[in-house]
Amino acid sequence: MGTHMKTTIEISPPLLNQARKLATQQGTTLRALVEEGLRKVVAENRRPDGFRLRRANFKGEGLQPQVAGAGWDRLREMAYEEHGG
């Protein structure tokens, strides 16, 4: 698949004529003008902050001494110690 895709859109004749004139005045193509307009509309409707993970920390004093230097294997063992693991 290439970087561009062809599609067909219906544009009212008066708007199309105005767009063609504007493209000519700006020394650009109708395609470039349409893409610029679409980019602006998409940018305006984008979520302003995007996804934001909520703070989910717990009150406490950080890691307990018995896990401060533990690796994943030890942490896994500790997680399953009382659950038959």
PDB file of N, CA and C in Angstrom:
ATOM      1  N   MET A   1       0.849  -1.185   0.000  1.00  0.00           N
ATOM      2  CA  MET A   1       0.000   0.000   0.000  1.00  0.00           C
ATOM      3  C   MET A   1       0.882   1.232   0.000  1.00  0.00           C
ATOM      4  N   GLY A   2       0.558   2.187  -0.831  1.00  0.00           N
ATOM      5  CA  GLY A   2       1.357   3.405  -0.942  1.00  0.00           C
ATOM      6  C   GLY A   2       1.039   4.400   0.160  1.00  0.00           C
ATOM      7  N   THR A   3       1.626   5.577   0.029  1.00  0.00           N
ATOM      8  CA  THR A   3       1.418   6.592   1.043  1.00  0.00           C
ATOM      9  C   THR A   3       0.184   7.434   0.773  1.00  0.00           C
ATOM     10  N   HIS A   4      -0.420   7.279  -0.396  1.00  0.00           N
ATOM     11  CA  HIS A   4      -1.618   8.040  -0.730  1.00  0.00           C
ATOM     12  C   HIS A   4      -2.719   7.086  -1.144  1.00  0.00           C
ATOM     13  N   MET A   5      -3.945   7.558  -1.008  1.00  0.00           N
ATOM     14  CA  MET A   5      -5.091   6.746  -1.364  1.00  0.00           C
ATOM     15  C   MET A   5      -6.051   7.601  -2.175  1.00  0.00           C
ATOM     16  N   LYS A   6      -6.561   7.058  -3.256  1.00  0.00           N
ATOM     17  CA  LYS A   6      -7.518   7.803  -4.071  1.00  0.00           C
ATOM     18  C   LYS A   6      -8.909   7.609  -3.511  1.00  0.00           C
ATOM     19  N   THR A   7      -9.688   8.677  -3.547  1.00  0.00           N
ATOM     20  CA  THR A   7     -11.083   8.614  -3.133  1.00  0.00           C
ATOM     21  C   THR A   7     -11.866   9.626  -3.947  1.00  0.00           C
ATOM     22  N   THR A   8     -13.162   9.481  -3.924  1.00  0.00           N
ATOM     23  CA  THR A   8     -14.023  10.407  -4.648  1.00  0.00           C
ATOM     24  C   THR A   8     -14.908  11.128  -3.642  1.00  0.00           C
ATOM     25  N   ILE A   9     -14.977  12.440  -3.759  1.00  0.00           N
ATOM     26  CA  ILE A   9     -15.863  13.222  -2.901  1.00  0.00           C
ATOM     27  C   ILE A   9     -16.712  14.122  -3.776  1.00  0.00           C
ATOM     28  N   GLU A  10     -17.901  14.430  -3.279  1.00  0.00           N
ATOM     29  CA  GLU A  10     -18.771  15.348  -4.009  1.00  0.00           C
ATOM     30  C   GLU A  10     -18.687  16.709  -3.339  1.00  0.00           C
ATOM     31  N   ILE A  11     -18.401  17.725  -4.149  1.00  0.00           N
ATOM     32  CA  ILE A  11     -18.283  19.096  -3.661  1.00  0.00           C
ATOM     33  C   ILE A  11     -19.243  19.946  -4.484  1.00  0.00           C
ATOM     34  N   SER A  12     -19.955  20.826  -3.807  1.00  0.00           N
ATOM     35  CA  SER A  12     -20.902  21.683  -4.539  1.00  0.00           C
ATOM     36  C   SER A  12     -20.129  22.522  -5.559  1.00  0.00           C
ATOM     37  N   PRO A  13     -20.692  22.737  -6.740  1.00  0.00           N
ATOM     38  CA  PRO A  13     -20.001  23.504  -7.783  1.00  0.00           C
ATOM     39  C   PRO A  13     -19.516  24.889  -7.341  1.00  0.00           C
ATOM     40  N   PRO A  14     -20.304  25.668  -6.607  1.00  0.00           N
ATOM     41  CA  PRO A  14     -19.792  26.983  -6.196  1.00  0.00           C
ATOM     42  C   PRO A  14     -18.557  26.880  -5.293  1.00  0.00           C
ATOM     43  N   LEU A  15     -18.589  25.934  -4.348  1.00  0.00           N
ATOM     44  CA  LEU A  15     -17.440  25.762  -3.453  1.00  0.00           C
ATOM     45  C   LEU A  15     -16.227  25.261  -4.227  1.00  0.00           C
ATOM     46  N   LEU A  16     -16.437  24.343  -5.154  1.00  0.00           N
ATOM     47  CA  LEU A  16     -15.339  23.823  -5.964  1.00  0.00           C
ATOM     48  C   LEU A  16     -14.710  24.941  -6.795  1.00  0.00           C
ATOM     49  N   ASN A  17     -15.531  25.795  -7.375  1.00  0.00           N
ATOM     50  CA  ASN A  17     -15.011  26.918  -8.175  1.00  0.00           C
ATOM     51  C   ASN A  17     -14.184  27.865  -7.305  1.00  0.00           C
ATOM     52  N   GLN A  18     -14.691  28.168  -6.102  1.00  0.00           N
ATOM     53  CA  GLN A  18     -13.945  29.036  -5.187  1.00  0.00           C
ATOM     54  C   GLN A  18     -12.610  28.394  -4.799  1.00  0.00           C
ATOM     55  N   ALA A  19     -12.642  27.099  -4.531  1.00  0.00           N
ATOM     56  CA  ALA A  19     -11.421  26.395  -4.134  1.00  0.00           C
ATOM     57  C   ALA A  19     -10.407  26.378  -5.274  1.00  0.00           C
ATOM     58  N   ARG A  20     -10.863  26.141  -6.486  1.00  0.00           N
ATOM     59  CA  ARG A  20      -9.952  26.153  -7.639  1.00  0.00           C
ATOM     60  C   ARG A  20      -9.304  27.526  -7.823  1.00  0.00           C
ATOM     61  N   LYS A  21     -10.113  28.588  -7.689  1.00  0.00           N
ATOM     62  CA  LYS A  21      -9.575  29.948  -7.813  1.00  0.00           C
ATOM     63  C   LYS A  21      -8.541  30.217  -6.723  1.00  0.00           C
ATOM     64  N   LEU A  22      -8.851  29.808  -5.504  1.00  0.00           N
ATOM     65  CA  LEU A  22      -7.929  30.015  -4.388  1.00  0.00           C
ATOM     66  C   LEU A  22      -6.623  29.245  -4.610  1.00  0.00           C
ATOM     67  N   ALA A  23      -6.741  28.018  -5.083  1.00  0.00           N
ATOM     68  CA  ALA A  23      -5.547  27.209  -5.346  1.00  0.00           C
ATOM     69  C   ALA A  23      -4.675  27.895  -6.396  1.00  0.00           C
ATOM     70  N   THR A  24      -5.297  28.415  -7.425  1.00  0.00           N
ATOM     71  CA  THR A  24      -4.557  29.112  -8.482  1.00  0.00           C
ATOM     72  C   THR A  24      -3.874  30.363  -7.917  1.00  0.00           C
ATOM     73  N   GLN A  25      -4.604  31.128  -7.119  1.00  0.00           N
ATOM     74  CA  GLN A  25      -4.041  32.346  -6.518  1.00  0.00           C
ATOM     75  C   GLN A  25      -2.852  32.026  -5.608  1.00  0.00           C
ATOM     76  N   GLN A  26      -2.939  30.910  -4.912  1.00  0.00           N
ATOM     77  CA  GLN A  26      -1.868  30.537  -3.984  1.00  0.00           C
ATOM     78  C   GLN A  26      -0.765  29.730  -4.653  1.00  0.00           C
ATOM     79  N   GLY A  27      -0.943  29.425  -5.916  1.00  0.00           N
ATOM     80  CA  GLY A  27       0.071  28.660  -6.640  1.00  0.00           C
ATOM     81  C   GLY A  27       0.195  27.237  -6.127  1.00  0.00           C
ATOM     82  N   THR A  28      -0.930  26.662  -5.776  1.00  0.00           N
ATOM     83  CA  THR A  28      -0.926  25.295  -5.259  1.00  0.00           C
ATOM     84  C   THR A  28      -1.967  24.480  -6.007  1.00  0.00           C
ATOM     85  N   THR A  29      -2.146  23.250  -5.609  1.00  0.00           N
ATOM     86  CA  THR A  29      -3.124  22.384  -6.269  1.00  0.00           C
ATOM     87  C   THR A  29      -4.391  22.291  -5.428  1.00  0.00           C
ATOM     88  N   LEU A  30      -5.447  21.884  -6.062  1.00  0.00           N
ATOM     89  CA  LEU A  30      -6.707  21.665  -5.354  1.00  0.00           C
ATOM     90  C   LEU A  30      -6.514  20.566  -4.308  1.00  0.00           C
ATOM     91  N   ARG A  31      -5.781  19.545  -4.681  1.00  0.00           N
ATOM     92  CA  ARG A  31      -5.503  18.446  -3.748  1.00  0.00           C
ATOM     93  C   ARG A  31      -4.809  18.960  -2.495  1.00  0.00           C
ATOM     94  N   ALA A  32      -3.793  19.789  -2.663  1.00  0.00           N
ATOM     95  CA  ALA A  32      -3.060  20.328  -1.512  1.00  0.00           C
ATOM     96  C   ALA A  32      -3.974  21.173  -0.640  1.00  0.00           C
ATOM     97  N   LEU A  33      -4.854  21.926  -1.274  1.00  0.00           N
ATOM     98  CA  LEU A  33      -5.796  22.776  -0.545  1.00  0.00           C
ATOM     99  C   LEU A  33      -6.768  21.922   0.271  1.00  0.00           C
ATOM    100  N   VAL A  34      -7.287  20.875  -0.331  1.00  0.00           N
ATOM    101  CA  VAL A  34      -8.205  19.972   0.369  1.00  0.00           C
ATOM    102  C   VAL A  34      -7.495  19.291   1.534  1.00  0.00           C
ATOM    103  N   GLU A  35      -6.265  18.814   1.318  1.00  0.00           N
ATOM    104  CA  GLU A  35      -5.519  18.164   2.399  1.00  0.00           C
ATOM    105  C   GLU A  35      -5.256  19.130   3.551  1.00  0.00           C
ATOM    106  N   GLU A  36      -4.921  20.372   3.226  1.00  0.00           N
ATOM    107  CA  GLU A  36      -4.676  21.377   4.264  1.00  0.00           C
ATOM    108  C   GLU A  36      -5.942  21.600   5.095  1.00  0.00           C
ATOM    109  N   GLY A  37      -7.071  21.705   4.415  1.00  0.00           N
ATOM    110  CA  GLY A  37      -8.339  21.891   5.119  1.00  0.00           C
ATOM    111  C   GLY A  37      -8.675  20.715   6.008  1.00  0.00           C
ATOM    112  N   LEU A  38      -8.478  19.505   5.499  1.00  0.00           N
ATOM    113  CA  LEU A  38      -8.754  18.314   6.298  1.00  0.00           C
ATOM    114  C   LEU A  38      -7.842  18.237   7.519  1.00  0.00           C
ATOM    115  N   ARG A  39      -6.557  18.586   7.338  1.00  0.00           N
ATOM    116  CA  ARG A  39      -5.628  18.576   8.483  1.00  0.00           C
ATOM    117  C   ARG A  39      -6.090  19.541   9.576  1.00  0.00           C
ATOM    118  N   LYS A  40      -6.561  20.717   9.163  1.00  0.00           N
ATOM    119  CA  LYS A  40      -7.029  21.711  10.139  1.00  0.00           C
ATOM    120  C   LYS A  40      -8.252  21.203  10.896  1.00  0.00           C
ATOM    121  N   VAL A  41      -9.197  20.619  10.189  1.00  0.00           N
ATOM    122  CA  VAL A  41     -10.407  20.115  10.835  1.00  0.00           C
ATOM    123  C   VAL A  41     -10.066  18.966  11.791  1.00  0.00           C
ATOM    124  N   VAL A  42      -9.206  18.063  11.364  1.00  0.00           N
ATOM    125  CA  VAL A  42      -8.812  16.942  12.222  1.00  0.00           C
ATOM    126  C   VAL A  42      -8.083  17.457  13.464  1.00  0.00           C
ATOM    127  N   ALA A  43      -7.191  18.425  13.292  1.00  0.00           N
ATOM    128  CA  ALA A  43      -6.445  18.984  14.431  1.00  0.00           C
ATOM    129  C   ALA A  43      -7.381  19.677  15.414  1.00  0.00           C
ATOM    130  N   GLU A  44      -8.387  20.373  14.920  1.00  0.00           N
ATOM    131  CA  GLU A  44      -9.334  21.067  15.790  1.00  0.00           C
ATOM    132  C   GLU A  44     -10.166  20.095  16.615  1.00  0.00           C
ATOM    133  N   ASN A  45     -10.400  18.905  16.093  1.00  0.00           N
ATOM    134  CA  ASN A  45     -11.254  17.936  16.775  1.00  0.00           C
ATOM    135  C   ASN A  45     -10.484  16.891  17.559  1.00  0.00           C
ATOM    136  N   ARG A  46      -9.183  17.024  17.586  1.00  0.00           N
ATOM    137  CA  ARG A  46      -8.344  16.096  18.342  1.00  0.00           C
ATOM    138  C   ARG A  46      -8.560  16.342  19.826  1.00  0.00           C
ATOM    139  N   ARG A  47      -8.462  15.284  20.622  1.00  0.00           N
ATOM    140  CA  ARG A  47      -8.589  15.446  22.067  1.00  0.00           C
ATOM    141  C   ARG A  47      -7.459  16.350  22.538  1.00  0.00           C
ATOM    142  N   PRO A  48      -7.776  17.391  23.271  1.00  0.00           N
ATOM    143  CA  PRO A  48      -6.761  18.373  23.649  1.00  0.00           C
ATOM    144  C   PRO A  48      -5.618  17.803  24.499  1.00  0.00           C
ATOM    145  N   ASP A  49      -5.935  16.963  25.443  1.00  0.00           N
ATOM    146  CA  ASP A  49      -4.893  16.461  26.329  1.00  0.00           C
ATOM    147  C   ASP A  49      -4.456  15.048  25.985  1.00  0.00           C
ATOM    148  N   GLY A  50      -5.183  14.391  25.097  1.00  0.00           N
ATOM    149  CA  GLY A  50      -4.861  13.016  24.798  1.00  0.00           C
ATOM    150  C   GLY A  50      -5.142  12.136  26.005  1.00  0.00           C
ATOM    151  N   PHE A  51      -4.605  10.953  26.015  1.00  0.00           N
ATOM    152  CA  PHE A  51      -4.812  10.034  27.126  1.00  0.00           C
ATOM    153  C   PHE A  51      -3.917  10.413  28.284  1.00  0.00           C
ATOM    154  N   ARG A  52      -4.468  10.407  29.455  1.00  0.00           N
ATOM    155  CA  ARG A  52      -3.685  10.712  30.643  1.00  0.00           C
ATOM    156  C   ARG A  52      -3.999   9.653  31.700  1.00  0.00           C
ATOM    157  N   LEU A  53      -2.996   8.943  32.122  1.00  0.00           N
ATOM    158  CA  LEU A  53      -3.155   7.917  33.144  1.00  0.00           C
ATOM    159  C   LEU A  53      -3.359   8.588  34.493  1.00  0.00           C
ATOM    160  N   ARG A  54      -4.396   8.166  35.202  1.00  0.00           N
ATOM    161  CA  ARG A  54      -4.658   8.778  36.501  1.00  0.00           C
ATOM    162  C   ARG A  54      -3.600   8.351  37.506  1.00  0.00           C
ATOM    163  N   ARG A  55      -3.394   9.171  38.501  1.00  0.00           N
ATOM    164  CA  ARG A  55      -2.445   8.834  39.563  1.00  0.00           C
ATOM    165  C   ARG A  55      -3.041   7.698  40.373  1.00  0.00           C
ATOM    166  N   ALA A  56      -2.293   6.643  40.548  1.00  0.00           N
ATOM    167  CA  ALA A  56      -2.799   5.482  41.275  1.00  0.00           C
ATOM    168  C   ALA A  56      -1.784   5.039  42.328  1.00  0.00           C
ATOM    169  N   ASN A  57      -1.124   5.984  42.940  1.00  0.00           N
ATOM    170  CA  ASN A  57      -0.154   5.600  43.955  1.00  0.00           C
ATOM    171  C   ASN A  57      -0.862   5.455  45.301  1.00  0.00           C
ATOM    172  N   PHE A  58      -0.210   4.756  46.218  1.00  0.00           N
ATOM    173  CA  PHE A  58      -0.785   4.482  47.517  1.00  0.00           C
ATOM    174  C   PHE A  58      -0.004   5.229  48.581  1.00  0.00           C
ATOM    175  N   LYS A  59      -0.705   5.521  49.662  1.00  0.00           N
ATOM    176  CA  LYS A  59      -0.022   6.165  50.777  1.00  0.00           C
ATOM    177  C   LYS A  59       0.945   5.149  51.378  1.00  0.00           C
ATOM    178  N   GLY A  60       2.090   5.572  51.739  1.00  0.00           N
ATOM    179  CA  GLY A  60       3.074   4.680  52.322  1.00  0.00           C
ATOM    180  C   GLY A  60       4.443   5.291  52.257  1.00  0.00           C
ATOM    181  N   GLU A  61       5.409   4.471  52.523  1.00  0.00           N
ATOM    182  CA  GLU A  61       6.788   4.954  52.574  1.00  0.00           C
ATOM    183  C   GLU A  61       7.673   4.246  51.560  1.00  0.00           C
ATOM    184  N   GLY A  62       7.122   3.927  50.412  1.00  0.00           N
ATOM    185  CA  GLY A  62       7.925   3.303  49.366  1.00  0.00           C
ATOM    186  C   GLY A  62       8.062   1.806  49.549  1.00  0.00           C
ATOM    187  N   LEU A  63       9.108   1.245  48.968  1.00  0.00           N
ATOM    188  CA  LEU A  63       9.326  -0.194  49.029  1.00  0.00           C
ATOM    189  C   LEU A  63       9.677  -0.649  50.439  1.00  0.00           C
ATOM    190  N   GLN A  64       9.173  -1.811  50.767  1.00  0.00           N
ATOM    191  CA  GLN A  64       9.518  -2.426  52.050  1.00  0.00           C
ATOM    192  C   GLN A  64      10.948  -2.929  51.958  1.00  0.00           C
ATOM    193  N   PRO A  65      11.670  -2.972  53.054  1.00  0.00           N
ATOM    194  CA  PRO A  65      13.083  -3.383  53.029  1.00  0.00           C
ATOM    195  C   PRO A  65      13.313  -4.749  52.386  1.00  0.00           C
ATOM    196  N   GLN A  66      12.390  -5.697  52.578  1.00  0.00           N
ATOM    197  CA  GLN A  66      12.591  -7.050  52.037  1.00  0.00           C
ATOM    198  C   GLN A  66      12.471  -7.118  50.513  1.00  0.00           C
ATOM    199  N   VAL A  67      11.940  -6.080  49.882  1.00  0.00           N
ATOM    200  CA  VAL A  67      11.827  -6.097  48.425  1.00  0.00           C
ATOM    201  C   VAL A  67      12.670  -5.023  47.748  1.00  0.00           C
ATOM    202  N   ALA A  68      13.353  -4.205  48.525  1.00  0.00           N
ATOM    203  CA  ALA A  68      14.089  -3.068  47.973  1.00  0.00           C
ATOM    204  C   ALA A  68      15.089  -3.466  46.893  1.00  0.00           C
ATOM    205  N   GLY A  69      15.786  -4.566  47.057  1.00  0.00           N
ATOM    206  CA  GLY A  69      16.778  -4.964  46.053  1.00  0.00           C
ATOM    207  C   GLY A  69      16.413  -6.229  45.322  1.00  0.00           C
ATOM    208  N   ALA A  70      15.177  -6.685  45.482  1.00  0.00           N
ATOM    209  CA  ALA A  70      14.756  -7.964  44.903  1.00  0.00           C
ATOM    210  C   ALA A  70      14.574  -7.873  43.397  1.00  0.00           C
ATOM    211  N   GLY A  71      14.899  -8.962  42.717  1.00  0.00           N
ATOM    212  CA  GLY A  71      14.675  -9.056  41.278  1.00  0.00           C
ATOM    213  C   GLY A  71      13.281  -9.575  40.998  1.00  0.00           C
ATOM    214  N   TRP A  72      12.936  -9.704  39.719  1.00  0.00           N
ATOM    215  CA  TRP A  72      11.600 -10.164  39.345  1.00  0.00           C
ATOM    216  C   TRP A  72      11.310 -11.561  39.856  1.00  0.00           C
ATOM    217  N   ASP A  73      12.293 -12.441  39.823  1.00  0.00           N
ATOM    218  CA  ASP A  73      12.064 -13.808  40.294  1.00  0.00           C
ATOM    219  C   ASP A  73      11.646 -13.813  41.759  1.00  0.00           C
ATOM    220  N   ARG A  74      12.341 -13.050  42.573  1.00  0.00           N
ATOM    221  CA  ARG A  74      12.017 -12.985  44.008  1.00  0.00           C
ATOM    222  C   ARG A  74      10.659 -12.317  44.220  1.00  0.00           C
ATOM    223  N   LEU A  75      10.377 -11.270  43.496  1.00  0.00           N
ATOM    224  CA  LEU A  75       9.078 -10.614  43.628  1.00  0.00           C
ATOM    225  C   LEU A  75       7.939 -11.562  43.264  1.00  0.00           C
ATOM    226  N   ARG A  76       8.123 -12.351  42.216  1.00  0.00           N
ATOM    227  CA  ARG A  76       7.112 -13.332  41.810  1.00  0.00           C
ATOM    228  C   ARG A  76       6.921 -14.375  42.898  1.00  0.00           C
ATOM    229  N   GLU A  77       8.031 -14.878  43.446  1.00  0.00           N
ATOM    230  CA  GLU A  77       7.942 -15.855  44.548  1.00  0.00           C
ATOM    231  C   GLU A  77       7.146 -15.280  45.712  1.00  0.00           C
ATOM    232  N   MET A  78       7.456 -14.054  46.086  1.00  0.00           N
ATOM    233  CA  MET A  78       6.778 -13.419  47.217  1.00  0.00           C
ATOM    234  C   MET A  78       5.293 -13.221  46.936  1.00  0.00           C
ATOM    235  N   ALA A  79       4.936 -12.905  45.694  1.00  0.00           N
ATOM    236  CA  ALA A  79       3.546 -12.665  45.346  1.00  0.00           C
ATOM    237  C   ALA A  79       2.716 -13.939  45.480  1.00  0.00           C
ATOM    238  N   TYR A  80       3.336 -15.098  45.221  1.00  0.00           N
ATOM    239  CA  TYR A  80       2.590 -16.350  45.236  1.00  0.00           C
ATOM    240  C   TYR A  80       2.832 -17.192  46.483  1.00  0.00           C
ATOM    241  N   GLU A  81       3.645 -16.727  47.439  1.00  0.00           N
ATOM    242  CA  GLU A  81       3.989 -17.520  48.629  1.00  0.00           C
ATOM    243  C   GLU A  81       2.767 -18.036  49.364  1.00  0.00           C
ATOM    244  N   GLU A  82       1.801 -17.213  49.581  1.00  0.00           N
ATOM    245  CA  GLU A  82       0.628 -17.622  50.370  1.00  0.00           C
ATOM    246  C   GLU A  82      -0.521 -18.091  49.501  1.00  0.00           C
ATOM    247  N   HIS A  83      -0.254 -18.316  48.236  1.00  0.00           N
ATOM    248  CA  HIS A  83      -1.319 -18.741  47.313  1.00  0.00           C
ATOM    249  C   HIS A  83      -0.993 -20.077  46.664  1.00  0.00           C
ATOM    250  N   GLY A  84      -0.181 -20.871  47.321  1.00  0.00           N
ATOM    251  CA  GLY A  84       0.137 -22.209  46.819  1.00  0.00           C
ATOM    252  C   GLY A  84       1.140 -22.236  45.693  1.00  0.00           C
ATOM    253  N   GLY A  85       1.902 -21.148  45.499  1.00  0.00           N
ATOM    254  CA  GLY A  85       2.839 -21.079  44.366  1.00  0.00           C
ATOM    255  C   GLY A  85       4.206 -21.480  44.655  1.00  0.00           C
TER     256      GLY A  85
END
